[in-house]
Amino acid sequence: QVQLAESGGALVQAGGSLRLSCAGSGLTFSNYAMGWFRQAPGKEREFVAAIAGNGRLSRFADSVKGRFAISRDNAKNTLYLEMNSLKPEDTAVYYCAAATRGSLVVTVQSLYTNWGPGTQVTVSS
């Protein structure tokens, strides 16, 4: 079955950088659109970034545009989220997700069928 596993979460100071990874198994990775979402304490899970199966199209939430980058290595079945200029408000559990619409960039949570368990990112001020 499809499994996703995030890694790379950590405690970092404001202004710092982190790179999250999401390793996929049990799927033909390039056939899936992939996305990153996050959930802060007491808040709903929200969209962060998404990328099409071929890696050529991507979208970002306004709150992270210009600071975060999304990429994928289909040969390694791995999705990445490069986070720069981190702010305390970026503190959240970050989740990767897969959607069976590989040619599209998917920003809607309900269209994602598979989710990882999440990785904690904490940004201190």
PDB file of N, CA and C in Angstrom:
ATOM      1  N   GLN A   1       0.844  -1.185   0.000  1.00  0.00           N
ATOM      2  CA  GLN A   1       0.000   0.000   0.000  1.00  0.00           C
ATOM      3  C   GLN A   1       0.884   1.241   0.000  1.00  0.00           C
ATOM      4  N   VAL A   2       0.263   2.366  -0.324  1.00  0.00           N
ATOM      5  CA  VAL A   2       1.009   3.619  -0.374  1.00  0.00           C
ATOM      6  C   VAL A   2       1.374   4.051   1.048  1.00  0.00           C
ATOM      7  N   GLN A   3       2.648   4.388   1.207  1.00  0.00           N
ATOM      8  CA  GLN A   3       3.105   4.907   2.496  1.00  0.00           C
ATOM      9  C   GLN A   3       3.961   6.137   2.252  1.00  0.00           C
ATOM     10  N   LEU A   4       3.760   7.132   3.090  1.00  0.00           N
ATOM     11  CA  LEU A   4       4.537   8.362   3.044  1.00  0.00           C
ATOM     12  C   LEU A   4       5.152   8.607   4.410  1.00  0.00           C
ATOM     13  N   ALA A   5       6.386   9.079   4.424  1.00  0.00           N
ATOM     14  CA  ALA A   5       7.057   9.316   5.695  1.00  0.00           C
ATOM     15  C   ALA A   5       7.865  10.599   5.615  1.00  0.00           C
ATOM     16  N   GLU A   6       7.496  11.572   6.439  1.00  0.00           N
ATOM     17  CA  GLU A   6       8.194  12.844   6.480  1.00  0.00           C
ATOM     18  C   GLU A   6       9.403  12.748   7.410  1.00  0.00           C
ATOM     19  N   SER A   7      10.385  13.587   7.153  1.00  0.00           N
ATOM     20  CA  SER A   7      11.535  13.718   8.038  1.00  0.00           C
ATOM     21  C   SER A   7      12.104  15.122   7.893  1.00  0.00           C
ATOM     22  N   GLY A   8      12.946  15.514   8.828  1.00  0.00           N
ATOM     23  CA  GLY A   8      13.623  16.797   8.739  1.00  0.00           C
ATOM     24  C   GLY A   8      13.091  17.866   9.668  1.00  0.00           C
ATOM     25  N   GLY A   9      11.999  17.589  10.353  1.00  0.00           N
ATOM     26  CA  GLY A   9      11.483  18.580  11.287  1.00  0.00           C
ATOM     27  C   GLY A   9      12.445  18.796  12.446  1.00  0.00           C
ATOM     28  N   ALA A  10      12.441  20.013  12.982  1.00  0.00           N
ATOM     29  CA  ALA A  10      13.378  20.342  14.058  1.00  0.00           C
ATOM     30  C   ALA A  10      12.966  21.635  14.724  1.00  0.00           C
ATOM     31  N   LEU A  11      13.709  21.982  15.774  1.00  0.00           N
ATOM     32  CA  LEU A  11      13.589  23.288  16.425  1.00  0.00           C
ATOM     33  C   LEU A  11      14.630  24.206  15.788  1.00  0.00           C
ATOM     34  N   VAL A  12      14.199  25.355  15.317  1.00  0.00           N
ATOM     35  CA  VAL A  12      15.101  26.285  14.637  1.00  0.00           C
ATOM     36  C   VAL A  12      14.768  27.707  15.069  1.00  0.00           C
ATOM     37  N   GLN A  13      15.747  28.574  15.029  1.00  0.00           N
ATOM     38  CA  GLN A  13      15.510  29.972  15.384  1.00  0.00           C
ATOM     39  C   GLN A  13      14.876  30.717  14.222  1.00  0.00           C
ATOM     40  N   ALA A  14      14.164  31.767  14.541  1.00  0.00           N
ATOM     41  CA  ALA A  14      13.567  32.610  13.512  1.00  0.00           C
ATOM     42  C   ALA A  14      14.663  33.101  12.563  1.00  0.00           C
ATOM     43  N   GLY A  15      14.343  33.096  11.280  1.00  0.00           N
ATOM     44  CA  GLY A  15      15.310  33.471  10.264  1.00  0.00           C
ATOM     45  C   GLY A  15      16.106  32.311   9.720  1.00  0.00           C
ATOM     46  N   GLY A  16      15.993  31.173  10.357  1.00  0.00           N
ATOM     47  CA  GLY A  16      16.737  29.998   9.943  1.00  0.00           C
ATOM     48  C   GLY A  16      16.073  29.248   8.804  1.00  0.00           C
ATOM     49  N   SER A  17      16.684  28.115   8.467  1.00  0.00           N
ATOM     50  CA  SER A  17      16.210  27.309   7.343  1.00  0.00           C
ATOM     51  C   SER A  17      16.105  25.845   7.741  1.00  0.00           C
ATOM     52  N   LEU A  18      15.226  25.142   7.060  1.00  0.00           N
ATOM     53  CA  LEU A  18      15.079  23.705   7.219  1.00  0.00           C
ATOM     54  C   LEU A  18      14.700  23.099   5.878  1.00  0.00           C
ATOM     55  N   ARG A  19      15.058  21.838   5.687  1.00  0.00           N
ATOM     56  CA  ARG A  19      14.571  21.107   4.533  1.00  0.00           C
ATOM     57  C   ARG A  19      13.850  19.854   5.018  1.00  0.00           C
ATOM     58  N   LEU A  20      12.594  19.776   4.645  1.00  0.00           N
ATOM     59  CA  LEU A  20      11.803  18.589   4.948  1.00  0.00           C
ATOM     60  C   LEU A  20      11.856  17.634   3.762  1.00  0.00           C
ATOM     61  N   SER A  21      11.819  16.355   4.071  1.00  0.00           N
ATOM     62  CA  SER A  21      11.759  15.323   3.036  1.00  0.00           C
ATOM     63  C   SER A  21      10.542  14.443   3.289  1.00  0.00           C
ATOM     64  N   CYS A  22      10.045  13.871   2.215  1.00  0.00           N
ATOM     65  CA  CYS A  22       8.924  12.934   2.304  1.00  0.00           C
ATOM     66  C   CYS A  22       9.241  11.768   1.380  1.00  0.00           C
ATOM     67  N   ALA A  23       9.456  10.608   1.968  1.00  0.00           N
ATOM     68  CA  ALA A  23       9.774   9.413   1.188  1.00  0.00           C
ATOM     69  C   ALA A  23       8.499   8.620   0.934  1.00  0.00           C
ATOM     70  N   GLY A  24       8.286   8.264  -0.311  1.00  0.00           N
ATOM     71  CA  GLY A  24       7.099   7.499  -0.671  1.00  0.00           C
ATOM     72  C   GLY A  24       7.451   6.073  -1.044  1.00  0.00           C
ATOM     73  N   SER A  25       6.530   5.163  -0.751  1.00  0.00           N
ATOM     74  CA  SER A  25       6.691   3.771  -1.157  1.00  0.00           C
ATOM     75  C   SER A  25       5.335   3.204  -1.521  1.00  0.00           C
ATOM     76  N   GLY A  26       5.341   2.158  -2.346  1.00  0.00           N
ATOM     77  CA  GLY A  26       4.097   1.526  -2.747  1.00  0.00           C
ATOM     78  C   GLY A  26       3.333   2.288  -3.802  1.00  0.00           C
ATOM     79  N   LEU A  27       3.988   3.206  -4.489  1.00  0.00           N
ATOM     80  CA  LEU A  27       3.320   3.986  -5.536  1.00  0.00           C
ATOM     81  C   LEU A  27       4.305   4.312  -6.641  1.00  0.00           C
ATOM     82  N   THR A  28       3.749   4.540  -7.833  1.00  0.00           N
ATOM     83  CA  THR A  28       4.554   5.070  -8.943  1.00  0.00           C
ATOM     84  C   THR A  28       4.591   6.569  -8.735  1.00  0.00           C
ATOM     85  N   PHE A  29       5.668   7.026  -8.142  1.00  0.00           N
ATOM     86  CA  PHE A  29       5.726   8.379  -7.564  1.00  0.00           C
ATOM     87  C   PHE A  29       5.372   9.456  -8.589  1.00  0.00           C
ATOM     88  N   SER A  30       5.869   9.326  -9.797  1.00  0.00           N
ATOM     89  CA  SER A  30       5.664  10.378 -10.799  1.00  0.00           C
ATOM     90  C   SER A  30       4.210  10.491 -11.239  1.00  0.00           C
ATOM     91  N   ASN A  31       3.384   9.499 -10.940  1.00  0.00           N
ATOM     92  CA  ASN A  31       1.967   9.543 -11.303  1.00  0.00           C
ATOM     93  C   ASN A  31       1.131  10.344 -10.316  1.00  0.00           C
ATOM     94  N   TYR A  32       1.759  10.784  -9.242  1.00  0.00           N
ATOM     95  CA  TYR A  32       1.028  11.454  -8.170  1.00  0.00           C
ATOM     96  C   TYR A  32       1.421  12.922  -8.065  1.00  0.00           C
ATOM     97  N   ALA A  33       0.410  13.766  -7.961  1.00  0.00           N
ATOM     98  CA  ALA A  33       0.657  15.120  -7.487  1.00  0.00           C
ATOM     99  C   ALA A  33       0.961  15.035  -6.000  1.00  0.00           C
ATOM    100  N   MET A  34       1.855  15.890  -5.524  1.00  0.00           N
ATOM    101  CA  MET A  34       2.254  15.864  -4.117  1.00  0.00           C
ATOM    102  C   MET A  34       2.070  17.235  -3.490  1.00  0.00           C
ATOM    103  N   GLY A  35       1.844  17.230  -2.203  1.00  0.00           N
ATOM    104  CA  GLY A  35       1.644  18.499  -1.523  1.00  0.00           C
ATOM    105  C   GLY A  35       2.171  18.474  -0.096  1.00  0.00           C
ATOM    106  N   TRP A  36       2.383  19.639   0.422  1.00  0.00           N
ATOM    107  CA  TRP A  36       2.721  19.846   1.834  1.00  0.00           C
ATOM    108  C   TRP A  36       1.598  20.650   2.478  1.00  0.00           C
ATOM    109  N   PHE A  37       1.209  20.215   3.651  1.00  0.00           N
ATOM    110  CA  PHE A  37       0.219  20.914   4.456  1.00  0.00           C
ATOM    111  C   PHE A  37       0.790  21.060   5.866  1.00  0.00           C
ATOM    112  N   ARG A  38       0.189  21.933   6.665  1.00  0.00           N
ATOM    113  CA  ARG A  38       0.653  22.071   8.033  1.00  0.00           C
ATOM    114  C   ARG A  38      -0.524  22.359   8.958  1.00  0.00           C
ATOM    115  N   GLN A  39      -0.322  21.986  10.208  1.00  0.00           N
ATOM    116  CA  GLN A  39      -1.340  22.242  11.216  1.00  0.00           C
ATOM    117  C   GLN A  39      -0.676  22.756  12.475  1.00  0.00           C
ATOM    118  N   ALA A  40      -1.014  23.993  12.810  1.00  0.00           N
ATOM    119  CA  ALA A  40      -0.519  24.614  14.031  1.00  0.00           C
ATOM    120  C   ALA A  40      -1.462  24.272  15.184  1.00  0.00           C
ATOM    121  N   PRO A  41      -0.996  24.342  16.419  1.00  0.00           N
ATOM    122  CA  PRO A  41      -1.853  24.030  17.569  1.00  0.00           C
ATOM    123  C   PRO A  41      -3.112  24.880  17.568  1.00  0.00           C
ATOM    124  N   GLY A  42      -4.246  24.234  17.706  1.00  0.00           N
ATOM    125  CA  GLY A  42      -5.509  24.947  17.777  1.00  0.00           C
ATOM    126  C   GLY A  42      -6.030  25.465  16.459  1.00  0.00           C
ATOM    127  N   LYS A  43      -5.371  25.103  15.362  1.00  0.00           N
ATOM    128  CA  LYS A  43      -5.791  25.595  14.049  1.00  0.00           C
ATOM    129  C   LYS A  43      -6.095  24.438  13.113  1.00  0.00           C
ATOM    130  N   GLU A  44      -6.808  24.767  12.039  1.00  0.00           N
ATOM    131  CA  GLU A  44      -7.103  23.779  11.016  1.00  0.00           C
ATOM    132  C   GLU A  44      -5.845  23.511  10.185  1.00  0.00           C
ATOM    133  N   ARG A  45      -5.799  22.322   9.626  1.00  0.00           N
ATOM    134  CA  ARG A  45      -4.692  22.018   8.718  1.00  0.00           C
ATOM    135  C   ARG A  45      -4.840  22.884   7.459  1.00  0.00           C
ATOM    136  N   GLU A  46      -3.724  23.418   6.982  1.00  0.00           N
ATOM    137  CA  GLU A  46      -3.775  24.332   5.844  1.00  0.00           C
ATOM    138  C   GLU A  46      -2.771  23.951   4.766  1.00  0.00           C
ATOM    139  N   PHE A  47      -3.077  24.374   3.576  1.00  0.00           N
ATOM    140  CA  PHE A  47      -2.222  24.140   2.415  1.00  0.00           C
ATOM    141  C   PHE A  47      -0.944  24.972   2.525  1.00  0.00           C
ATOM    142  N   VAL A  48       0.189  24.382   2.159  1.00  0.00           N
ATOM    143  CA  VAL A  48       1.463  25.087   2.132  1.00  0.00           C
ATOM    144  C   VAL A  48       2.006  25.174   0.702  1.00  0.00           C
ATOM    145  N   ALA A  49       2.161  24.027   0.051  1.00  0.00           N
ATOM    146  CA  ALA A  49       2.744  23.999  -1.291  1.00  0.00           C
ATOM    147  C   ALA A  49       2.356  22.700  -1.976  1.00  0.00           C
ATOM    148  N   ALA A  50       2.347  22.730  -3.302  1.00  0.00           N
ATOM    149  CA  ALA A  50       2.019  21.540  -4.076  1.00  0.00           C
ATOM    150  C   ALA A  50       2.814  21.531  -5.364  1.00  0.00           C
ATOM    151  N   ILE A  51       3.001  20.350  -5.899  1.00  0.00           N
ATOM    152  CA  ILE A  51       3.796  20.187  -7.114  1.00  0.00           C
ATOM    153  C   ILE A  51       3.197  19.081  -7.959  1.00  0.00           C
ATOM    154  N   ALA A  52       3.209  19.275  -9.276  1.00  0.00           N
ATOM    155  CA  ALA A  52       2.685  18.272 -10.192  1.00  0.00           C
ATOM    156  C   ALA A  52       3.647  17.086 -10.294  1.00  0.00           C
ATOM    157  N   GLY A  53       3.158  16.006 -10.884  1.00  0.00           N
ATOM    158  CA  GLY A  53       3.936  14.783 -10.953  1.00  0.00           C
ATOM    159  C   GLY A  53       5.265  14.915 -11.679  1.00  0.00           C
ATOM    160  N   ASN A  54       5.290  15.755 -12.704  1.00  0.00           N
ATOM    161  CA  ASN A  54       6.536  15.930 -13.454  1.00  0.00           C
ATOM    162  C   ASN A  54       7.450  16.991 -12.842  1.00  0.00           C
ATOM    163  N   GLY A  55       6.997  17.633 -11.793  1.00  0.00           N
ATOM    164  CA  GLY A  55       7.818  18.616 -11.096  1.00  0.00           C
ATOM    165  C   GLY A  55       7.894  19.975 -11.748  1.00  0.00           C
ATOM    166  N   ARG A  56       7.173  20.175 -12.839  1.00  0.00           N
ATOM    167  CA  ARG A  56       7.317  21.419 -13.601  1.00  0.00           C
ATOM    168  C   ARG A  56       6.362  22.512 -13.145  1.00  0.00           C
ATOM    169  N   LEU A  57       5.301  22.134 -12.424  1.00  0.00           N
ATOM    170  CA  LEU A  57       4.321  23.114 -11.955  1.00  0.00           C
ATOM    171  C   LEU A  57       4.234  23.056 -10.445  1.00  0.00           C
ATOM    172  N   SER A  58       4.098  24.206  -9.825  1.00  0.00           N
ATOM    173  CA  SER A  58       3.970  24.246  -8.369  1.00  0.00           C
ATOM    174  C   SER A  58       3.130  25.440  -7.951  1.00  0.00           C
ATOM    175  N   ARG A  59       2.610  25.361  -6.734  1.00  0.00           N
ATOM    176  CA  ARG A  59       1.828  26.437  -6.160  1.00  0.00           C
ATOM    177  C   ARG A  59       2.193  26.568  -4.699  1.00  0.00           C
ATOM    178  N   PHE A  60       2.037  27.787  -4.183  1.00  0.00           N
ATOM    179  CA  PHE A  60       2.371  28.051  -2.784  1.00  0.00           C
ATOM    180  C   PHE A  60       1.265  28.865  -2.125  1.00  0.00           C
ATOM    181  N   ALA A  61       1.111  28.660  -0.833  1.00  0.00           N
ATOM    182  CA  ALA A  61       0.251  29.546  -0.063  1.00  0.00           C
ATOM    183  C   ALA A  61       0.896  30.926  -0.014  1.00  0.00           C
ATOM    184  N   ASP A  62       0.071  31.957   0.049  1.00  0.00           N
ATOM    185  CA  ASP A  62       0.611  33.321   0.088  1.00  0.00           C
ATOM    186  C   ASP A  62       1.548  33.524   1.270  1.00  0.00           C
ATOM    187  N   SER A  63       1.263  32.843   2.363  1.00  0.00           N
ATOM    188  CA  SER A  63       2.044  33.042   3.588  1.00  0.00           C
ATOM    189  C   SER A  63       3.477  32.523   3.478  1.00  0.00           C
ATOM    190  N   VAL A  64       3.749  31.668   2.497  1.00  0.00           N
ATOM    191  CA  VAL A  64       5.097  31.102   2.374  1.00  0.00           C
ATOM    192  C   VAL A  64       5.758  31.457   1.044  1.00  0.00           C
ATOM    193  N   LYS A  65       5.027  32.124   0.180  1.00  0.00           N
ATOM    194  CA  LYS A  65       5.553  32.449  -1.144  1.00  0.00           C
ATOM    195  C   LYS A  65       6.821  33.288  -1.015  1.00  0.00           C
ATOM    196  N   GLY A  66       7.835  32.898  -1.766  1.00  0.00           N
ATOM    197  CA  GLY A  66       9.102  33.612  -1.709  1.00  0.00           C
ATOM    198  C   GLY A  66      10.045  33.125  -0.630  1.00  0.00           C
ATOM    199  N   ARG A  67       9.532  32.310   0.297  1.00  0.00           N
ATOM    200  CA  ARG A  67      10.377  31.789   1.377  1.00  0.00           C
ATOM    201  C   ARG A  67      10.552  30.271   1.276  1.00  0.00           C
ATOM    202  N   PHE A  68       9.537  29.587   0.781  1.00  0.00           N
ATOM    203  CA  PHE A  68       9.568  28.124   0.689  1.00  0.00           C
ATOM    204  C   PHE A  68       9.699  27.712  -0.774  1.00  0.00           C
ATOM    205  N   ALA A  69      10.314  26.563  -0.974  1.00  0.00           N
ATOM    206  CA  ALA A  69      10.410  25.961  -2.305  1.00  0.00           C
ATOM    207  C   ALA A  69      10.044  24.487  -2.196  1.00  0.00           C
ATOM    208  N   ILE A  70       9.337  24.005  -3.206  1.00  0.00           N
ATOM    209  CA  ILE A  70       8.956  22.593  -3.246  1.00  0.00           C
ATOM    210  C   ILE A  70       9.632  21.948  -4.442  1.00  0.00           C
ATOM    211  N   SER A  71      10.085  20.728  -4.257  1.00  0.00           N
ATOM    212  CA  SER A  71      10.712  20.002  -5.354  1.00  0.00           C
ATOM    213  C   SER A  71      10.516  18.507  -5.125  1.00  0.00           C
ATOM    214  N   ARG A  72      10.833  17.738  -6.142  1.00  0.00           N
ATOM    215  CA  ARG A  72      10.681  16.295  -6.033  1.00  0.00           C
ATOM    216  C   ARG A  72      11.748  15.611  -6.862  1.00  0.00           C
ATOM    217  N   ASP A  73      12.126  14.431  -6.416  1.00  0.00           N
ATOM    218  CA  ASP A  73      13.051  13.584  -7.158  1.00  0.00           C
ATOM    219  C   ASP A  73      12.311  12.271  -7.404  1.00  0.00           C
ATOM    220  N   ASN A  74      11.740  12.127  -8.580  1.00  0.00           N
ATOM    221  CA  ASN A  74      10.920  10.948  -8.857  1.00  0.00           C
ATOM    222  C   ASN A  74      11.755   9.668  -8.900  1.00  0.00           C
ATOM    223  N   ALA A  75      13.011   9.791  -9.218  1.00  0.00           N
ATOM    224  CA  ALA A  75      13.879   8.614  -9.225  1.00  0.00           C
ATOM    225  C   ALA A  75      14.102   8.075  -7.809  1.00  0.00           C
ATOM    226  N   LYS A  76      13.993   8.970  -6.826  1.00  0.00           N
ATOM    227  CA  LYS A  76      14.193   8.577  -5.424  1.00  0.00           C
ATOM    228  C   LYS A  76      12.879   8.492  -4.655  1.00  0.00           C
ATOM    229  N   ASN A  77      11.761   8.712  -5.352  1.00  0.00           N
ATOM    230  CA  ASN A  77      10.455   8.689  -4.685  1.00  0.00           C
ATOM    231  C   ASN A  77      10.418   9.634  -3.490  1.00  0.00           C
ATOM    232  N   THR A  78      10.960  10.821  -3.660  1.00  0.00           N
ATOM    233  CA  THR A  78      11.087  11.742  -2.541  1.00  0.00           C
ATOM    234  C   THR A  78      10.623  13.140  -2.914  1.00  0.00           C
ATOM    235  N   LEU A  79       9.896  13.736  -1.993  1.00  0.00           N
ATOM    236  CA  LEU A  79       9.396  15.095  -2.086  1.00  0.00           C
ATOM    237  C   LEU A  79      10.147  15.943  -1.070  1.00  0.00           C
ATOM    238  N   TYR A  80      10.402  17.199  -1.426  1.00  0.00           N
ATOM    239  CA  TYR A  80      11.148  18.089  -0.526  1.00  0.00           C
ATOM    240  C   TYR A  80      10.389  19.392  -0.309  1.00  0.00           C
ATOM    241  N   LEU A  81      10.645  19.994   0.844  1.00  0.00           N
ATOM    242  CA  LEU A  81      10.180  21.345   1.109  1.00  0.00           C
ATOM    243  C   LEU A  81      11.339  22.105   1.739  1.00  0.00           C
ATOM    244  N   GLU A  82      11.869  23.047   0.978  1.00  0.00           N
ATOM    245  CA  GLU A  82      12.945  23.896   1.466  1.00  0.00           C
ATOM    246  C   GLU A  82      12.313  25.126   2.098  1.00  0.00           C
ATOM    247  N   MET A  83      12.600  25.353   3.370  1.00  0.00           N
ATOM    248  CA  MET A  83      11.985  26.459   4.105  1.00  0.00           C
ATOM    249  C   MET A  83      13.069  27.428   4.554  1.00  0.00           C
ATOM    250  N   ASN A  84      12.953  28.662   4.114  1.00  0.00           N
ATOM    251  CA  ASN A  84      13.921  29.702   4.460  1.00  0.00           C
ATOM    252  C   ASN A  84      13.222  30.849   5.180  1.00  0.00           C
ATOM    253  N   SER A  85      14.017  31.684   5.826  1.00  0.00           N
ATOM    254  CA  SER A  85      13.477  32.852   6.542  1.00  0.00           C
ATOM    255  C   SER A  85      12.303  32.455   7.421  1.00  0.00           C
ATOM    256  N   LEU A  86      12.499  31.409   8.189  1.00  0.00           N
ATOM    257  CA  LEU A  86      11.408  30.873   8.997  1.00  0.00           C
ATOM    258  C   LEU A  86      10.967  31.865  10.068  1.00  0.00           C
ATOM    259  N   LYS A  87       9.663  31.838  10.325  1.00  0.00           N
ATOM    260  CA  LYS A  87       9.040  32.720  11.296  1.00  0.00           C
ATOM    261  C   LYS A  87       8.368  31.874  12.382  1.00  0.00           C
ATOM    262  N   PRO A  88       8.171  32.440  13.561  1.00  0.00           N
ATOM    263  CA  PRO A  88       7.469  31.675  14.608  1.00  0.00           C
ATOM    264  C   PRO A  88       6.105  31.170  14.150  1.00  0.00           C
ATOM    265  N   GLU A  89       5.442  31.917  13.280  1.00  0.00           N
ATOM    266  CA  GLU A  89       4.128  31.482  12.800  1.00  0.00           C
ATOM    267  C   GLU A  89       4.200  30.305  11.834  1.00  0.00           C
ATOM    268  N   ASP A  90       5.392  29.890  11.460  1.00  0.00           N
ATOM    269  CA  ASP A  90       5.553  28.676  10.654  1.00  0.00           C
ATOM    270  C   ASP A  90       5.556  27.420  11.532  1.00  0.00           C
ATOM    271  N   THR A  91       5.540  27.600  12.838  1.00  0.00           N
ATOM    272  CA  THR A  91       5.517  26.462  13.754  1.00  0.00           C
ATOM    273  C   THR A  91       4.259  25.637  13.541  1.00  0.00           C
ATOM    274  N   ALA A  92       4.455  24.341  13.281  1.00  0.00           N
ATOM    275  CA  ALA A  92       3.324  23.457  12.988  1.00  0.00           C
ATOM    276  C   ALA A  92       3.845  22.036  12.780  1.00  0.00           C
ATOM    277  N   VAL A  93       2.916  21.109  12.717  1.00  0.00           N
ATOM    278  CA  VAL A  93       3.232  19.782  12.210  1.00  0.00           C
ATOM    279  C   VAL A  93       3.041  19.840  10.700  1.00  0.00           C
ATOM    280  N   TYR A  94       4.043  19.412   9.975  1.00  0.00           N
ATOM    281  CA  TYR A  94       4.012  19.436   8.520  1.00  0.00           C
ATOM    282  C   TYR A  94       3.750  18.038   7.986  1.00  0.00           C
ATOM    283  N   TYR A  95       2.801  17.963   7.054  1.00  0.00           N
ATOM    284  CA  TYR A  95       2.394  16.704   6.463  1.00  0.00           C
ATOM    285  C   TYR A  95       2.641  16.719   4.965  1.00  0.00           C
ATOM    286  N   CYS A  96       3.094  15.606   4.418  1.00  0.00           N
ATOM    287  CA  CYS A  96       3.097  15.463   2.971  1.00  0.00           C
ATOM    288  C   CYS A  96       1.907  14.585   2.577  1.00  0.00           C
ATOM    289  N   ALA A  97       1.458  14.762   1.356  1.00  0.00           N
ATOM    290  CA  ALA A  97       0.290  14.044   0.886  1.00  0.00           C
ATOM    291  C   ALA A  97       0.413  13.779  -0.601  1.00  0.00           C
ATOM    292  N   ALA A  98      -0.276  12.721  -1.043  1.00  0.00           N
ATOM    293  CA  ALA A  98      -0.244  12.310  -2.445  1.00  0.00           C
ATOM    294  C   ALA A  98      -1.656  12.281  -3.010  1.00  0.00           C
ATOM    295  N   ALA A  99      -1.786  12.735  -4.242  1.00  0.00           N
ATOM    296  CA  ALA A  99      -3.078  12.748  -4.935  1.00  0.00           C
ATOM    297  C   ALA A  99      -2.912  12.101  -6.297  1.00  0.00           C
ATOM    298  N   THR A 100      -3.884  11.278  -6.689  1.00  0.00           N
ATOM    299  CA  THR A 100      -3.788  10.550  -7.951  1.00  0.00           C
ATOM    300  C   THR A 100      -4.204  11.424  -9.123  1.00  0.00           C
ATOM    301  N   ARG A 101      -3.600  12.569  -9.212  1.00  0.00           N
ATOM    302  CA  ARG A 101      -3.833  13.477 -10.338  1.00  0.00           C
ATOM    303  C   ARG A 101      -2.481  14.037 -10.751  1.00  0.00           C
ATOM    304  N   GLY A 102      -1.646  13.162 -11.251  1.00  0.00           N
ATOM    305  CA  GLY A 102      -0.239  13.496 -11.440  1.00  0.00           C
ATOM    306  C   GLY A 102       0.038  14.668 -12.352  1.00  0.00           C
ATOM    307  N   SER A 103      -0.853  14.946 -13.282  1.00  0.00           N
ATOM    308  CA  SER A 103      -0.584  16.014 -14.242  1.00  0.00           C
ATOM    309  C   SER A 103      -0.945  17.389 -13.697  1.00  0.00           C
ATOM    310  N   LEU A 104      -1.581  17.438 -12.534  1.00  0.00           N
ATOM    311  CA  LEU A 104      -2.074  18.700 -12.000  1.00  0.00           C
ATOM    312  C   LEU A 104      -1.294  19.128 -10.760  1.00  0.00           C
ATOM    313  N   VAL A 105      -1.476  20.369 -10.385  1.00  0.00           N
ATOM    314  CA  VAL A 105      -1.044  20.867  -9.087  1.00  0.00           C
ATOM    315  C   VAL A 105      -2.297  20.904  -8.223  1.00  0.00           C
ATOM    316  N   VAL A 106      -2.301  20.161  -7.142  1.00  0.00           N
ATOM    317  CA  VAL A 106      -3.509  19.995  -6.333  1.00  0.00           C
ATOM    318  C   VAL A 106      -3.351  20.748  -5.021  1.00  0.00           C
ATOM    319  N   THR A 107      -4.239  21.706  -4.799  1.00  0.00           N
ATOM    320  CA  THR A 107      -4.160  22.504  -3.570  1.00  0.00           C
ATOM    321  C   THR A 107      -5.285  22.180  -2.586  1.00  0.00           C
ATOM    322  N   VAL A 108      -6.239  21.374  -3.019  1.00  0.00           N
ATOM    323  CA  VAL A 108      -7.398  21.055  -2.190  1.00  0.00           C
ATOM    324  C   VAL A 108      -7.133  19.809  -1.365  1.00  0.00           C
ATOM    325  N   GLN A 109      -7.253  19.925  -0.064  1.00  0.00           N
ATOM    326  CA  GLN A 109      -6.927  18.815   0.838  1.00  0.00           C
ATOM    327  C   GLN A 109      -7.741  17.561   0.553  1.00  0.00           C
ATOM    328  N   SER A 110      -9.009  17.747   0.256  1.00  0.00           N
ATOM    329  CA  SER A 110      -9.899  16.600   0.102  1.00  0.00           C
ATOM    330  C   SER A 110      -9.548  15.744  -1.111  1.00  0.00           C
ATOM    331  N   LEU A 111      -8.748  16.267  -2.027  1.00  0.00           N
ATOM    332  CA  LEU A 111      -8.346  15.506  -3.199  1.00  0.00           C
ATOM    333  C   LEU A 111      -7.132  14.621  -2.937  1.00  0.00           C
ATOM    334  N   TYR A 112      -6.526  14.801  -1.787  1.00  0.00           N
ATOM    335  CA  TYR A 112      -5.379  13.967  -1.431  1.00  0.00           C
ATOM    336  C   TYR A 112      -5.849  12.688  -0.761  1.00  0.00           C
ATOM    337  N   THR A 113      -5.307  11.562  -1.225  1.00  0.00           N
ATOM    338  CA  THR A 113      -5.779  10.265  -0.748  1.00  0.00           C
ATOM    339  C   THR A 113      -4.832   9.602   0.242  1.00  0.00           C
ATOM    340  N   ASN A 114      -3.599  10.053   0.274  1.00  0.00           N
ATOM    341  CA  ASN A 114      -2.622   9.417   1.156  1.00  0.00           C
ATOM    342  C   ASN A 114      -1.833  10.487   1.891  1.00  0.00           C
ATOM    343  N   TRP A 115      -1.606  10.250   3.173  1.00  0.00           N
ATOM    344  CA  TRP A 115      -0.953  11.230   4.036  1.00  0.00           C
ATOM    345  C   TRP A 115       0.142  10.558   4.865  1.00  0.00           C
ATOM    346  N   GLY A 116       1.191  11.329   5.132  1.00  0.00           N
ATOM    347  CA  GLY A 116       2.203  10.877   6.075  1.00  0.00           C
ATOM    348  C   GLY A 116       1.796  11.223   7.494  1.00  0.00           C
ATOM    349  N   PRO A 117       2.526  10.724   8.482  1.00  0.00           N
ATOM    350  CA  PRO A 117       2.193  10.969   9.882  1.00  0.00           C
ATOM    351  C   PRO A 117       2.569  12.359  10.372  1.00  0.00           C
ATOM    352  N   GLY A 118       3.399  13.070   9.624  1.00  0.00           N
ATOM    353  CA  GLY A 118       3.764  14.428   9.994  1.00  0.00           C
ATOM    354  C   GLY A 118       5.117  14.530  10.680  1.00  0.00           C
ATOM    355  N   THR A 119       5.692  15.727  10.608  1.00  0.00           N
ATOM    356  CA  THR A 119       6.952  16.025  11.289  1.00  0.00           C
ATOM    357  C   THR A 119       6.841  17.425  11.897  1.00  0.00           C
ATOM    358  N   GLN A 120       7.338  17.574  13.118  1.00  0.00           N
ATOM    359  CA  GLN A 120       7.172  18.825  13.857  1.00  0.00           C
ATOM    360  C   GLN A 120       8.243  19.833  13.472  1.00  0.00           C
ATOM    361  N   VAL A 121       7.806  21.026  13.159  1.00  0.00           N
ATOM    362  CA  VAL A 121       8.707  22.159  12.941  1.00  0.00           C
ATOM    363  C   VAL A 121       8.374  23.215  13.975  1.00  0.00           C
ATOM    364  N   THR A 122       9.371  23.612  14.735  1.00  0.00           N
ATOM    365  CA  THR A 122       9.175  24.636  15.750  1.00  0.00           C
ATOM    366  C   THR A 122      10.171  25.758  15.505  1.00  0.00           C
ATOM    367  N   VAL A 123       9.650  26.969  15.371  1.00  0.00           N
ATOM    368  CA  VAL A 123      10.488  28.130  15.116  1.00  0.00           C
ATOM    369  C   VAL A 123      10.435  29.031  16.342  1.00  0.00           C
ATOM    370  N   SER A 124      11.564  29.237  16.972  1.00  0.00           N
ATOM    371  CA  SER A 124      11.620  30.061  18.168  1.00  0.00           C
ATOM    372  C   SER A 124      11.947  31.498  17.809  1.00  0.00           C
ATOM    373  N   SER A 125      11.411  32.415  18.594  1.00  0.00           N
ATOM    374  CA  SER A 125      11.628  33.848  18.303  1.00  0.00           C
ATOM    375  C   SER A 125      12.868  34.369  19.004  1.00  0.00           C
TER     376      SER A 125
END
